[in-house]
Amino acid sequence: MIIALDGSSVDGSAYTAVVNLARRSPVWLDDTASAWSTYGLTLFAVLMAVGWWHARRVGAAASVTALAVPFVVVVAFGVDTVLKLLMREARPCQSLRVATLEACPAPGDWSFPSNHAAIAAAAAVALLFVSRRLGALAVVAACAMAVSRVWVGAHYPHDVLAGVAVGALAALLAMSALRGRAQAAAMRLAATRLRPLLVVS
């Protein structure tokens, strides 16, 4: 079993600085960051649905690409979760004993890498293959998610950076592999009951 270095020795001082800044910040800012940290992933689901809806008007291959996005995100989440179990890094709120905006997770809820950051980054990169406009919006939202997870005290900065890297790389590899196969997959699926998912009747 691989055991990560103590996260506090990597960037514990940066984490503490951010958490202390959050404690001195206006309530509206902290509330916004907390709400985004907790519920922000919902936006990515909405963007996926919008991307698929518009892709149906472009063509079957575009629809296949859009429909692949949530599956790619699940794969990225799976990879990130495996890394968590291997690394077993304690949450910073447990190691540093600081007061945070978000309740400190129970021991055994590992910190490295960040699942939220990985999911957001995977969705953002995958959506870039569907629509540059939606993808650009998702990239901004993913960055905000990564920052918010440190702001509320759930992760060290290196946790979210690693999560972003894992999610982005997984999505890039998966969507790149799909790019050359989308048309063939669309032709097969169009001959099934799934056709309404691919094109506007």
C-alpha atoms as a PDB file:
ATOM      1  CA  MET A   1       0.000   0.000   0.000  1.00  0.00           C
ATOM      2  CA  ILE A   2       1.325   3.430  -0.923  1.00  0.00           C
ATOM      3  CA  ILE A   3       1.217   6.039   1.831  1.00  0.00           C
ATOM      4  CA  ALA A   4       1.364   9.698   0.857  1.00  0.00           C
ATOM      5  CA  LEU A   5       3.624  12.203   2.503  1.00  0.00           C
ATOM      6  CA  ASP A   6       1.978  14.231   5.213  1.00  0.00           C
ATOM      7  CA  GLY A   7       0.097  16.864   3.222  1.00  0.00           C
ATOM      8  CA  SER A   8       0.932  19.564   5.750  1.00  0.00           C
ATOM      9  CA  SER A   9       4.593  19.256   4.805  1.00  0.00           C
ATOM     10  CA  VAL A  10       3.770  19.952   1.157  1.00  0.00           C
ATOM     11  CA  ASP A  11       1.684  23.106   1.365  1.00  0.00           C
ATOM     12  CA  GLY A  12       0.211  23.199   4.835  1.00  0.00           C
ATOM     13  CA  SER A  13       1.184  26.848   5.273  1.00  0.00           C
ATOM     14  CA  ALA A  14      -0.630  27.819   2.065  1.00  0.00           C
ATOM     15  CA  TYR A  15      -3.694  25.891   3.191  1.00  0.00           C
ATOM     16  CA  THR A  16      -3.671  27.587   6.586  1.00  0.00           C
ATOM     17  CA  ALA A  17      -3.331  30.995   4.951  1.00  0.00           C
ATOM     18  CA  VAL A  18      -6.374  30.369   2.744  1.00  0.00           C
ATOM     19  CA  VAL A  19      -8.486  29.014   5.606  1.00  0.00           C
ATOM     20  CA  ASN A  20      -7.583  31.958   7.820  1.00  0.00           C
ATOM     21  CA  LEU A  21      -8.437  34.347   4.987  1.00  0.00           C
ATOM     22  CA  ALA A  22     -11.809  32.633   4.623  1.00  0.00           C
ATOM     23  CA  ARG A  23     -12.503  33.126   8.333  1.00  0.00           C
ATOM     24  CA  ARG A  24     -11.850  36.880   7.965  1.00  0.00           C
ATOM     25  CA  SER A  25     -13.853  37.264   4.768  1.00  0.00           C
ATOM     26  CA  PRO A  26     -17.411  38.629   4.409  1.00  0.00           C
ATOM     27  CA  VAL A  27     -20.172  36.191   5.270  1.00  0.00           C
ATOM     28  CA  TRP A  28     -21.693  36.445   1.779  1.00  0.00           C
ATOM     29  CA  LEU A  29     -18.410  35.334   0.209  1.00  0.00           C
ATOM     30  CA  ASP A  30     -18.016  32.389   2.557  1.00  0.00           C
ATOM     31  CA  ASP A  31     -21.651  31.380   2.036  1.00  0.00           C
ATOM     32  CA  THR A  32     -21.207  31.545  -1.731  1.00  0.00           C
ATOM     33  CA  ALA A  33     -18.032  29.473  -1.628  1.00  0.00           C
ATOM     34  CA  SER A  34     -19.646  26.910   0.669  1.00  0.00           C
ATOM     35  CA  ALA A  35     -22.736  26.615  -1.516  1.00  0.00           C
ATOM     36  CA  TRP A  36     -20.633  26.243  -4.650  1.00  0.00           C
ATOM     37  CA  SER A  37     -18.388  23.657  -2.981  1.00  0.00           C
ATOM     38  CA  THR A  38     -21.435  21.628  -1.953  1.00  0.00           C
ATOM     39  CA  TYR A  39     -23.779  22.014  -4.919  1.00  0.00           C
ATOM     40  CA  GLY A  40     -21.621  23.281  -7.771  1.00  0.00           C
ATOM     41  CA  LEU A  41     -21.224  19.898  -9.440  1.00  0.00           C
ATOM     42  CA  THR A  42     -24.892  20.165 -10.393  1.00  0.00           C
ATOM     43  CA  LEU A  43     -23.967  22.845 -12.926  1.00  0.00           C
ATOM     44  CA  PHE A  44     -21.758  20.382 -14.783  1.00  0.00           C
ATOM     45  CA  ALA A  45     -24.674  17.960 -15.094  1.00  0.00           C
ATOM     46  CA  VAL A  46     -26.781  20.789 -16.527  1.00  0.00           C
ATOM     47  CA  LEU A  47     -24.035  21.691 -19.011  1.00  0.00           C
ATOM     48  CA  MET A  48     -23.815  18.046 -20.099  1.00  0.00           C
ATOM     49  CA  ALA A  49     -27.569  17.976 -20.724  1.00  0.00           C
ATOM     50  CA  VAL A  50     -27.436  21.243 -22.672  1.00  0.00           C
ATOM     51  CA  GLY A  51     -24.507  19.966 -24.711  1.00  0.00           C
ATOM     52  CA  TRP A  52     -26.371  16.794 -25.628  1.00  0.00           C
ATOM     53  CA  TRP A  53     -29.565  18.711 -26.479  1.00  0.00           C
ATOM     54  CA  HIS A  54     -27.736  20.952 -28.931  1.00  0.00           C
ATOM     55  CA  ALA A  55     -25.632  18.091 -30.316  1.00  0.00           C
ATOM     56  CA  ARG A  56     -28.804  16.315 -31.473  1.00  0.00           C
ATOM     57  CA  ARG A  57     -29.323  19.160 -33.939  1.00  0.00           C
ATOM     58  CA  VAL A  58     -25.783  18.817 -35.256  1.00  0.00           C
ATOM     59  CA  GLY A  59     -25.795  15.113 -35.994  1.00  0.00           C
ATOM     60  CA  ALA A  60     -25.620  11.610 -34.609  1.00  0.00           C
ATOM     61  CA  ALA A  61     -21.836  11.604 -34.198  1.00  0.00           C
ATOM     62  CA  ALA A  62     -21.987  14.830 -32.210  1.00  0.00           C
ATOM     63  CA  SER A  63     -24.680  13.294 -30.023  1.00  0.00           C
ATOM     64  CA  VAL A  64     -22.544  10.240 -29.330  1.00  0.00           C
ATOM     65  CA  THR A  65     -19.715  12.519 -28.258  1.00  0.00           C
ATOM     66  CA  ALA A  66     -22.047  14.454 -25.950  1.00  0.00           C
ATOM     67  CA  LEU A  67     -23.548  11.298 -24.490  1.00  0.00           C
ATOM     68  CA  ALA A  68     -20.065  10.006 -23.711  1.00  0.00           C
ATOM     69  CA  VAL A  69     -19.288  12.930 -21.404  1.00  0.00           C
ATOM     70  CA  PRO A  70     -21.013  11.612 -18.245  1.00  0.00           C
ATOM     71  CA  PHE A  71     -19.426   8.189 -18.733  1.00  0.00           C
ATOM     72  CA  VAL A  72     -16.005   9.809 -19.059  1.00  0.00           C
ATOM     73  CA  VAL A  73     -16.637  11.724 -15.832  1.00  0.00           C
ATOM     74  CA  VAL A  74     -17.496   8.475 -14.053  1.00  0.00           C
ATOM     75  CA  VAL A  75     -14.245   6.934 -15.292  1.00  0.00           C
ATOM     76  CA  ALA A  76     -12.279   9.934 -14.040  1.00  0.00           C
ATOM     77  CA  PHE A  77     -14.030   9.682 -10.681  1.00  0.00           C
ATOM     78  CA  GLY A  78     -13.120   5.989 -10.504  1.00  0.00           C
ATOM     79  CA  VAL A  79      -9.453   6.646 -11.227  1.00  0.00           C
ATOM     80  CA  ASP A  80      -9.383   9.426  -8.659  1.00  0.00           C
ATOM     81  CA  THR A  81     -11.029   7.222  -6.040  1.00  0.00           C
ATOM     82  CA  VAL A  82      -8.477   4.452  -6.572  1.00  0.00           C
ATOM     83  CA  LEU A  83      -5.680   6.973  -6.084  1.00  0.00           C
ATOM     84  CA  LYS A  84      -7.336   8.134  -2.850  1.00  0.00           C
ATOM     85  CA  LEU A  85      -7.366   4.587  -1.518  1.00  0.00           C
ATOM     86  CA  LEU A  86      -3.726   4.087  -2.445  1.00  0.00           C
ATOM     87  CA  MET A  87      -2.446   7.386  -1.071  1.00  0.00           C
ATOM     88  CA  ARG A  88      -4.559   7.567   2.106  1.00  0.00           C
ATOM     89  CA  GLU A  89      -3.722  11.178   2.913  1.00  0.00           C
ATOM     90  CA  ALA A  90      -5.553  12.539   5.970  1.00  0.00           C
ATOM     91  CA  ARG A  91      -7.694  15.623   5.512  1.00  0.00           C
ATOM     92  CA  PRO A  92      -5.917  18.861   6.384  1.00  0.00           C
ATOM     93  CA  CYS A  93      -8.581  19.760   8.945  1.00  0.00           C
ATOM     94  CA  GLN A  94      -7.598  16.568  10.802  1.00  0.00           C
ATOM     95  CA  SER A  95      -3.839  17.039  10.559  1.00  0.00           C
ATOM     96  CA  LEU A  96      -3.706  20.770  11.283  1.00  0.00           C
ATOM     97  CA  ARG A  97      -6.646  21.089  13.670  1.00  0.00           C
ATOM     98  CA  VAL A  98      -7.920  24.338  12.172  1.00  0.00           C
ATOM     99  CA  ALA A  99     -11.435  25.744  12.168  1.00  0.00           C
ATOM    100  CA  THR A 100     -12.939  25.443   8.687  1.00  0.00           C
ATOM    101  CA  LEU A 101     -16.114  26.581   6.940  1.00  0.00           C
ATOM    102  CA  GLU A 102     -17.039  23.000   6.082  1.00  0.00           C
ATOM    103  CA  ALA A 103     -17.355  20.333   8.741  1.00  0.00           C
ATOM    104  CA  CYS A 104     -14.264  18.160   8.861  1.00  0.00           C
ATOM    105  CA  PRO A 105     -14.898  14.730   7.295  1.00  0.00           C
ATOM    106  CA  ALA A 106     -14.492  11.646   9.427  1.00  0.00           C
ATOM    107  CA  PRO A 107     -11.135   9.832   9.494  1.00  0.00           C
ATOM    108  CA  GLY A 108     -10.858   7.501   6.532  1.00  0.00           C
ATOM    109  CA  ASP A 109     -12.368  10.031   4.129  1.00  0.00           C
ATOM    110  CA  TRP A 110      -9.076  10.630   2.347  1.00  0.00           C
ATOM    111  CA  SER A 111      -7.965  13.930   0.909  1.00  0.00           C
ATOM    112  CA  PHE A 112      -5.618  13.303  -2.036  1.00  0.00           C
ATOM    113  CA  PRO A 113      -6.585  13.813  -4.793  1.00  0.00           C
ATOM    114  CA  SER A 114      -9.823  15.835  -4.669  1.00  0.00           C
ATOM    115  CA  ASN A 115     -12.847  14.040  -6.134  1.00  0.00           C
ATOM    116  CA  HIS A 116     -14.705  17.320  -6.660  1.00  0.00           C
ATOM    117  CA  ALA A 117     -11.803  18.800  -8.605  1.00  0.00           C
ATOM    118  CA  ALA A 118     -11.374  15.644 -10.681  1.00  0.00           C
ATOM    119  CA  ILE A 119     -15.067  15.468 -11.591  1.00  0.00           C
ATOM    120  CA  ALA A 120     -15.207  19.157 -12.487  1.00  0.00           C
ATOM    121  CA  ALA A 121     -12.031  19.030 -14.578  1.00  0.00           C
ATOM    122  CA  ALA A 122     -13.108  15.873 -16.390  1.00  0.00           C
ATOM    123  CA  ALA A 123     -16.474  17.414 -17.227  1.00  0.00           C
ATOM    124  CA  ALA A 124     -14.842  20.622 -18.435  1.00  0.00           C
ATOM    125  CA  VAL A 125     -12.312  18.921 -20.713  1.00  0.00           C
ATOM    126  CA  ALA A 126     -14.890  16.475 -22.086  1.00  0.00           C
ATOM    127  CA  LEU A 127     -17.340  19.313 -22.774  1.00  0.00           C
ATOM    128  CA  LEU A 128     -14.689  21.097 -24.832  1.00  0.00           C
ATOM    129  CA  PHE A 129     -15.037  18.225 -27.314  1.00  0.00           C
ATOM    130  CA  VAL A 130     -18.783  18.915 -27.493  1.00  0.00           C
ATOM    131  CA  SER A 131     -18.902  22.720 -27.531  1.00  0.00           C
ATOM    132  CA  ARG A 132     -16.134  25.251 -27.064  1.00  0.00           C
ATOM    133  CA  ARG A 133     -18.565  27.692 -25.484  1.00  0.00           C
ATOM    134  CA  LEU A 134     -19.916  25.192 -22.960  1.00  0.00           C
ATOM    135  CA  GLY A 135     -16.434  23.845 -22.379  1.00  0.00           C
ATOM    136  CA  ALA A 136     -15.027  27.301 -21.674  1.00  0.00           C
ATOM    137  CA  LEU A 137     -17.802  27.944 -19.157  1.00  0.00           C
ATOM    138  CA  ALA A 138     -17.109  24.583 -17.554  1.00  0.00           C
ATOM    139  CA  VAL A 139     -13.377  25.328 -17.326  1.00  0.00           C
ATOM    140  CA  VAL A 140     -14.101  28.517 -15.362  1.00  0.00           C
ATOM    141  CA  ALA A 141     -16.542  26.615 -13.151  1.00  0.00           C
ATOM    142  CA  ALA A 142     -13.974  23.841 -12.575  1.00  0.00           C
ATOM    143  CA  CYS A 143     -11.364  26.365 -11.466  1.00  0.00           C
ATOM    144  CA  ALA A 144     -13.905  27.888  -9.083  1.00  0.00           C
ATOM    145  CA  MET A 145     -14.679  24.426  -7.714  1.00  0.00           C
ATOM    146  CA  ALA A 146     -11.012  23.690  -7.084  1.00  0.00           C
ATOM    147  CA  VAL A 147     -10.517  26.992  -5.256  1.00  0.00           C
ATOM    148  CA  SER A 148     -13.693  26.560  -3.214  1.00  0.00           C
ATOM    149  CA  ARG A 149     -12.584  23.168  -1.903  1.00  0.00           C
ATOM    150  CA  VAL A 150      -9.502  24.751  -0.356  1.00  0.00           C
ATOM    151  CA  TRP A 151     -11.459  27.813   0.783  1.00  0.00           C
ATOM    152  CA  VAL A 152     -13.926  25.738   2.813  1.00  0.00           C
ATOM    153  CA  GLY A 153     -11.059  23.741   4.306  1.00  0.00           C
ATOM    154  CA  ALA A 154     -11.744  20.363   2.699  1.00  0.00           C
ATOM    155  CA  HIS A 155      -8.450  20.028   0.815  1.00  0.00           C
ATOM    156  CA  TYR A 156      -4.856  21.140   0.581  1.00  0.00           C
ATOM    157  CA  PRO A 157      -3.980  23.081  -2.605  1.00  0.00           C
ATOM    158  CA  HIS A 158      -1.992  20.108  -3.912  1.00  0.00           C
ATOM    159  CA  ASP A 159      -5.075  17.902  -3.508  1.00  0.00           C
ATOM    160  CA  VAL A 160      -7.147  19.999  -5.890  1.00  0.00           C
ATOM    161  CA  LEU A 161      -4.285  20.463  -8.341  1.00  0.00           C
ATOM    162  CA  ALA A 162      -3.822  16.698  -8.482  1.00  0.00           C
ATOM    163  CA  GLY A 163      -7.575  16.199  -8.844  1.00  0.00           C
ATOM    164  CA  VAL A 164      -7.683  18.627 -11.752  1.00  0.00           C
ATOM    165  CA  ALA A 165      -4.755  16.847 -13.408  1.00  0.00           C
ATOM    166  CA  VAL A 166      -6.330  13.404 -12.980  1.00  0.00           C
ATOM    167  CA  GLY A 167      -9.732  14.490 -14.250  1.00  0.00           C
ATOM    168  CA  ALA A 168      -8.398  16.489 -17.177  1.00  0.00           C
ATOM    169  CA  LEU A 169      -5.995  13.760 -18.309  1.00  0.00           C
ATOM    170  CA  ALA A 170      -8.596  10.996 -18.039  1.00  0.00           C
ATOM    171  CA  ALA A 171     -11.100  13.031 -20.041  1.00  0.00           C
ATOM    172  CA  LEU A 172      -8.557  14.059 -22.655  1.00  0.00           C
ATOM    173  CA  LEU A 173      -7.465  10.471 -23.262  1.00  0.00           C
ATOM    174  CA  ALA A 174     -11.002   9.088 -23.342  1.00  0.00           C
ATOM    175  CA  MET A 175     -12.498  11.782 -25.567  1.00  0.00           C
ATOM    176  CA  SER A 176      -9.533  11.696 -27.931  1.00  0.00           C
ATOM    177  CA  ALA A 177      -9.963   7.937 -28.290  1.00  0.00           C
ATOM    178  CA  LEU A 178     -13.670   8.381 -28.971  1.00  0.00           C
ATOM    179  CA  ARG A 179     -13.200  11.101 -31.585  1.00  0.00           C
ATOM    180  CA  GLY A 180     -12.305   8.713 -34.393  1.00  0.00           C
ATOM    181  CA  ARG A 181     -14.988   6.194 -33.430  1.00  0.00           C
ATOM    182  CA  ALA A 182     -17.975   8.479 -32.881  1.00  0.00           C
ATOM    183  CA  GLN A 183     -19.303   8.177 -36.431  1.00  0.00           C
ATOM    184  CA  ALA A 184     -19.163   4.380 -36.447  1.00  0.00           C
ATOM    185  CA  ALA A 185     -20.815   4.219 -33.024  1.00  0.00           C
ATOM    186  CA  ALA A 186     -23.503   6.627 -34.206  1.00  0.00           C
ATOM    187  CA  MET A 187     -24.314   4.435 -37.200  1.00  0.00           C
ATOM    188  CA  ARG A 188     -24.732   1.383 -34.990  1.00  0.00           C
ATOM    189  CA  LEU A 189     -26.835   3.160 -32.386  1.00  0.00           C
ATOM    190  CA  ALA A 190     -29.015   4.843 -35.005  1.00  0.00           C
ATOM    191  CA  ALA A 191     -30.279   1.407 -36.007  1.00  0.00           C
ATOM    192  CA  THR A 192     -31.537   0.734 -32.483  1.00  0.00           C
ATOM    193  CA  ARG A 193     -34.204   2.134 -30.196  1.00  0.00           C
ATOM    194  CA  LEU A 194     -31.663   4.675 -29.026  1.00  0.00           C
ATOM    195  CA  ARG A 195     -31.985   6.657 -32.254  1.00  0.00           C
ATOM    196  CA  PRO A 196     -34.130   9.399 -30.594  1.00  0.00           C
ATOM    197  CA  LEU A 197     -31.179  10.170 -28.347  1.00  0.00           C
ATOM    198  CA  LEU A 198     -28.995  10.924 -31.353  1.00  0.00           C
ATOM    199  CA  VAL A 199     -31.009  13.095 -33.707  1.00  0.00           C
ATOM    200  CA  VAL A 200     -34.040  15.342 -33.723  1.00  0.00           C
ATOM    201  CA  SER A 201     -36.931  13.528 -35.351  1.00  0.00           C
END
